Protein backbone atom coordinates (compact mmCIF):
# COMPACT_ATOMS: atom_id res chain seq x y z
CA MET A 1 -13.97 7.09 19.46
CA ILE A 2 -16.42 5.90 16.83
CA GLU A 3 -17.58 9.60 16.80
CA GLY A 4 -14.28 10.81 15.63
CA VAL A 5 -14.31 8.21 13.21
CA LYS A 6 -17.42 9.13 11.69
CA ALA A 7 -16.50 12.70 11.69
CA VAL A 8 -13.34 11.95 9.95
CA LEU A 9 -15.12 9.56 7.62
CA LYS A 10 -17.83 12.61 6.62
CA ALA A 11 -15.40 15.15 6.27
CA TYR A 12 -13.54 13.54 3.50
CA VAL A 13 -16.50 11.94 1.55
CA THR A 14 -18.11 15.80 1.89
CA ALA A 15 -14.95 17.81 0.92
CA GLU A 16 -13.16 15.01 -1.28
CA LEU A 17 -15.90 13.56 -3.18
CA ILE A 18 -18.87 15.61 -3.37
CA ARG A 19 -17.87 19.38 -2.81
CA ARG A 20 -14.87 19.47 -5.05
CA SER A 21 -15.98 17.02 -7.21
CA GLY A 22 -12.86 14.89 -6.56
CA PHE A 23 -14.71 11.81 -7.30
CA LEU A 24 -14.89 12.44 -10.97
CA TYR A 25 -11.74 14.22 -11.56
CA SER A 26 -9.56 11.40 -9.34
CA VAL A 27 -11.01 8.62 -11.30
CA LEU A 28 -10.40 10.62 -14.38
CA SER A 29 -6.74 11.29 -13.79
CA MET A 30 -5.81 7.85 -12.02
CA SER A 31 -7.04 5.83 -15.52
CA LEU A 32 -4.52 8.11 -17.23
CA TRP A 33 -2.07 7.60 -14.86
CA ILE A 34 -2.74 3.63 -15.34
CA LEU A 35 -2.79 3.51 -18.96
CA LEU A 36 0.60 5.52 -19.13
CA PHE A 37 2.06 2.76 -16.58
CA ILE A 38 0.42 0.36 -18.47
CA ALA A 39 0.88 0.98 -21.94
CA PRO A 40 4.55 0.25 -22.83
CA ILE A 41 4.07 -3.59 -21.76
CA SER A 42 2.16 -4.21 -24.52
CA LEU A 43 4.34 -2.64 -26.99
CA PHE A 44 7.51 -4.59 -25.57
CA THR A 45 5.78 -8.08 -25.16
CA PRO A 46 6.86 -11.23 -27.33
CA PRO A 47 4.18 -11.93 -29.68
CA ASN A 48 3.68 -15.85 -28.56
CA THR A 49 3.44 -14.98 -25.00
CA ASP A 50 -0.16 -15.50 -23.40
CA LYS A 51 -1.54 -12.06 -23.30
CA GLY A 52 -3.74 -13.03 -20.55
CA LEU A 53 -1.05 -13.86 -18.20
CA ILE A 54 0.83 -10.82 -18.82
CA ALA A 55 -2.01 -8.74 -18.24
CA GLY A 56 -2.64 -10.79 -14.75
CA TYR A 57 0.71 -10.01 -13.86
CA ALA A 58 0.63 -6.47 -14.77
CA PHE A 59 -2.63 -6.37 -12.45
CA LEU A 60 -1.06 -7.48 -9.86
CA ALA A 61 2.12 -5.13 -10.00
CA VAL A 62 -0.58 -2.27 -10.21
CA LEU A 63 -2.11 -3.89 -7.16
CA VAL A 64 0.73 -3.86 -5.08
CA PHE A 65 2.16 -0.69 -6.29
CA SER A 66 -1.22 1.23 -5.60
CA SER A 67 -1.90 -0.60 -2.26
CA TYR A 68 1.80 0.89 -0.95
CA SER A 69 1.13 4.38 -2.24
CA THR A 70 -2.27 4.49 -0.39
CA ALA A 71 -0.56 3.24 2.79
CA THR A 72 1.79 6.29 2.14
CA TRP A 73 -0.01 9.30 0.78
CA ASP A 74 -3.05 8.60 2.43
CA TRP A 75 -2.34 6.84 6.02
CA ALA A 76 0.71 8.11 6.89
CA TRP A 77 1.01 11.69 4.95
CA GLU A 78 -2.59 12.09 7.10
CA ILE A 79 -0.17 13.10 9.99
CA ARG A 80 1.87 15.22 8.14
CA TRP A 81 -1.27 17.10 6.86
CA LEU A 82 -2.54 17.54 10.46
CA ILE A 83 0.72 18.98 11.53
CA ARG A 84 1.41 21.36 8.50
CA ASN A 85 -2.62 22.60 9.20
CA GLY A 86 -2.13 23.07 13.27
CA ILE A 87 -4.72 20.51 13.61
CA LEU A 88 -2.27 18.05 14.99
CA GLU A 89 -2.25 19.48 18.69
CA TYR A 90 -6.22 19.62 18.73
CA VAL A 91 -6.39 16.31 18.14
CA VAL A 92 -3.91 15.55 21.07
CA ALA A 93 -5.86 18.26 23.45
CA SER A 94 -9.01 16.27 22.68
CA GLY A 95 -7.47 12.86 24.13
CA ARG A 96 -8.19 11.09 21.24
CA ASN A 97 -5.70 8.77 20.28
CA ILE A 98 -4.50 9.57 16.71
CA LEU A 99 -4.72 6.30 15.28
CA VAL A 100 -8.50 7.29 15.13
CA LEU A 101 -7.94 9.17 11.89
CA TYR A 102 -6.56 6.13 10.21
CA ALA A 103 -9.77 4.62 10.68
CA GLY A 104 -11.66 7.48 9.40
CA VAL A 105 -9.50 7.93 6.21
CA ALA A 106 -9.20 4.21 5.17
CA PRO A 107 -12.66 3.62 3.96
CA ILE A 108 -11.88 6.44 1.49
CA SER A 109 -8.63 5.46 0.35
CA LEU A 110 -9.55 1.90 0.08
CA THR A 111 -12.57 3.08 -2.06
CA TRP A 112 -10.18 4.81 -4.57
CA LEU A 113 -7.88 2.02 -4.58
CA VAL A 114 -10.59 -0.66 -5.56
CA LEU A 115 -11.87 2.28 -7.99
CA ALA A 116 -8.15 2.24 -9.26
CA LEU A 117 -7.92 -1.33 -9.75
CA GLY A 118 -11.22 -1.87 -11.61
CA GLY A 119 -9.79 0.91 -14.03
CA THR A 120 -6.52 -1.27 -14.56
CA TYR A 121 -8.84 -4.06 -15.36
CA LEU A 122 -10.73 -2.11 -17.79
CA VAL A 123 -7.06 -0.56 -19.30
CA LEU A 124 -5.71 -4.28 -19.50
CA ALA A 125 -8.71 -5.86 -21.45
CA ALA A 126 -9.24 -2.91 -23.56
CA ILE A 127 -5.13 -2.76 -24.88
CA MET A 128 -4.03 -6.40 -24.17
CA ALA A 129 -6.59 -9.01 -22.67
CA PRO A 130 -8.69 -9.47 -19.63
CA PRO A 131 -6.25 -10.93 -16.96
CA ALA A 132 -6.19 -14.56 -16.99
CA PHE A 133 -6.89 -15.11 -13.09
CA LEU A 134 -7.89 -18.55 -11.84
CA VAL A 135 -8.56 -19.05 -8.13
CA THR A 136 -5.94 -22.14 -6.89
CA ASP A 137 -6.59 -21.85 -3.41
CA PRO A 138 -9.47 -18.93 -1.89
CA LEU A 139 -7.41 -19.49 1.50
CA ILE A 140 -3.95 -18.61 0.33
CA LEU A 141 -5.76 -15.86 -1.47
CA LEU A 142 -7.16 -14.49 1.70
CA ALA A 143 -4.05 -15.25 3.56
CA GLY A 144 -2.16 -13.13 0.88
CA LEU A 145 -4.38 -10.27 1.05
CA ALA A 146 -4.60 -9.98 5.19
CA LEU A 147 -0.87 -10.68 5.40
CA LEU A 148 -0.67 -7.45 2.39
CA ALA A 149 -3.05 -5.44 5.00
CA ILE A 150 -0.78 -6.11 8.05
CA VAL A 151 2.38 -4.92 5.91
CA LEU A 152 0.66 -1.84 5.11
CA PHE A 153 -0.59 -0.70 8.23
CA ALA A 154 2.99 -1.20 9.50
CA HIS A 155 4.41 0.74 6.78
CA SER A 156 2.27 3.62 7.41
CA LEU A 157 3.06 3.72 11.43
CA ILE A 158 6.68 3.47 10.34
CA LEU A 159 6.16 6.47 7.91
CA GLY A 160 3.98 8.31 10.07
CA GLY A 161 6.40 8.09 13.16
CA THR A 162 9.08 9.06 11.40
CA VAL A 163 6.70 12.45 10.25
CA ILE A 164 6.39 12.88 14.24
CA SER A 165 10.11 12.35 15.00
CA VAL A 166 11.70 14.62 12.44
CA GLY A 167 8.84 16.55 10.71
CA THR A 168 9.71 14.74 7.28
CA SER A 169 10.22 11.58 5.82
CA GLY A 170 11.46 11.89 2.98
CA PRO A 171 14.41 9.27 2.63
CA VAL A 172 12.54 6.43 4.63
CA MET A 173 9.44 7.19 2.05
CA GLU A 174 11.86 6.39 -0.84
CA LEU A 175 13.29 3.61 0.76
CA THR A 176 9.92 1.86 1.81
CA SER A 177 7.54 3.23 -0.69
CA TRP A 178 9.15 2.95 -3.77
CA ILE A 179 12.88 0.44 -3.49
CA LEU A 180 11.77 -2.08 -1.11
CA PRO A 181 8.32 -3.03 -2.76
CA ILE A 182 9.93 -3.01 -6.28
CA ALA A 183 13.20 -4.66 -4.88
CA THR A 184 11.58 -7.48 -3.13
CA GLY A 185 9.28 -8.99 -5.64
CA GLY A 186 6.21 -6.67 -5.58
CA LEU A 187 6.20 -6.35 -9.33
CA VAL A 188 7.88 -9.65 -10.52
CA PRO A 189 7.93 -13.31 -8.79
CA LEU A 190 10.92 -13.63 -6.65
CA VAL A 191 11.60 -17.09 -9.02
CA LYS A 192 12.34 -14.15 -12.01
CA LEU A 193 15.03 -12.11 -9.75
CA PRO A 194 18.75 -13.14 -9.66
CA ILE A 195 19.13 -15.40 -6.81
CA VAL A 196 21.04 -12.95 -4.36
CA ALA A 197 18.37 -10.22 -4.68
CA ALA A 198 15.49 -12.82 -4.07
CA GLU A 199 17.36 -14.05 -1.07
CA ILE A 200 17.54 -10.16 0.26
CA ALA A 201 13.75 -10.22 -0.55
CA LEU A 202 13.15 -12.64 1.71
CA MET A 203 14.75 -11.23 4.69
CA THR A 204 12.11 -8.62 4.43
CA PRO A 205 8.16 -8.80 5.15
CA TYR A 206 7.34 -7.14 2.04
CA ALA A 207 8.22 -10.15 -0.37
CA TYR A 208 5.52 -12.78 0.80
CA PRO A 209 2.06 -11.07 0.65
CA ALA A 210 2.64 -10.67 -3.34
CA GLU A 211 4.26 -14.23 -3.59
CA LEU A 212 1.03 -15.68 -2.07
CA ILE A 213 -1.32 -13.23 -3.95
CA ARG A 214 0.48 -13.87 -7.50
CA ASN A 215 0.16 -17.79 -6.40
CA SER A 216 -3.12 -18.03 -5.65
CA LEU A 217 -4.47 -16.04 -8.87
CA LEU A 218 -2.09 -17.20 -11.59
CA GLY A 219 -0.47 -20.33 -10.05
CA THR A 220 2.85 -18.59 -10.02
CA PRO A 221 5.46 -21.03 -8.42
CA THR A 222 6.98 -19.30 -4.91
CA LEU A 223 10.64 -19.46 -4.36
CA LEU A 224 9.87 -21.08 -1.16
CA PRO A 225 7.05 -23.89 -0.75
CA VAL A 226 3.69 -22.08 0.12
CA ASN A 227 3.22 -23.46 3.62
CA GLN A 228 6.53 -22.13 4.40
CA THR A 229 6.10 -19.03 2.59
CA LEU A 230 2.88 -18.41 4.75
CA ILE A 231 4.11 -19.13 7.89
CA ILE A 232 7.47 -16.95 7.32
CA GLY A 233 5.49 -14.33 5.82
CA THR A 234 3.33 -14.28 8.75
CA ALA A 235 6.00 -14.41 11.41
CA TYR A 236 7.43 -11.58 9.64
CA GLY A 237 4.47 -9.83 9.18
CA LEU A 238 3.12 -9.53 12.66
CA ALA A 239 6.74 -8.81 13.73
CA TYR A 240 7.20 -5.88 11.58
CA LEU A 241 3.71 -4.71 12.70
CA LEU A 242 4.67 -4.92 16.51
CA LEU A 243 7.84 -3.11 15.70
CA SER A 244 6.09 -0.19 13.73
CA ILE A 245 3.55 0.18 16.55
CA ALA A 246 6.35 0.40 19.24
CA TYR A 247 8.07 2.84 16.81
CA PHE A 248 5.12 5.10 16.41
CA GLN A 249 4.17 4.92 20.20
CA ASN A 250 7.73 5.82 21.42
CA GLN A 251 7.66 8.94 18.68
CA TYR A 252 4.49 10.09 19.53
CA HIS A 253 5.02 10.10 23.65
CA LYS A 254 8.47 12.06 22.72
CA MET A 255 6.74 14.42 20.65
CA LEU A 256 4.10 14.98 23.64
CA LYS A 257 7.40 15.77 25.67
CA GLU A 258 9.20 18.02 23.18
CA GLY A 259 6.51 19.47 21.17
CA VAL A 260 5.48 19.00 17.34
CA ARG A 261 8.06 19.32 14.83
CA SER A 262 7.94 21.87 11.89
CA ILE A 263 7.40 20.18 8.72
CA GLY A 264 10.09 19.98 5.99
CA MET A 265 9.70 20.59 2.30
CA TYR A 266 10.01 16.68 1.79
């Protein structure tokens, strides 16, 4: 298993970061994308608003958005790439667990995520103000980040299982990658949402990591008490993870019996 992880990691480092100059071009394109995404915030922010606080909210919004993009396009879409290029059959025939590939891809995708967040911080500091972060509770911050990682992994397994099952995951991707993270408080605190929308958000595992991270870094009040947010969020996150693993394994075993699906356009 370790050899498989190393092989995937080496292949991505060589092909994406070195041979194709992917490191340089990706950083430049990501910086431009972040600038276009964030610039309107500085134009429409009321003049008497604390710029550092607004920059902090913008940074955390990009963190949540970019995290789910990483889980979608790097982790889940890896399976789609394997099917499209006829490689998945070789992985299955080798007897290796398909999730070994996730372990090899993760360091590269997390490197891009860190670089993107670093670029976001610099852009915000240049056009608005440095994000006004103040770690009020390191344990809550760590718990929020750990819970976000759990939800992201479960998220990628749901998408990956859907690709294995039907050859595409367009509708599922649109719901879990765009609608849910935004509608469940990924970009704004739940206390700022209409009460009906906030209550619906609390029924999903996506709302809790962002609530905890914002509270620990910006002191933003959570809709539920912090301890309750942590307990319910952990329970929801672990339940989502177990459900996603069961779903992925079910679709994987189904694929072994029925064969690999053809990949749809989207």
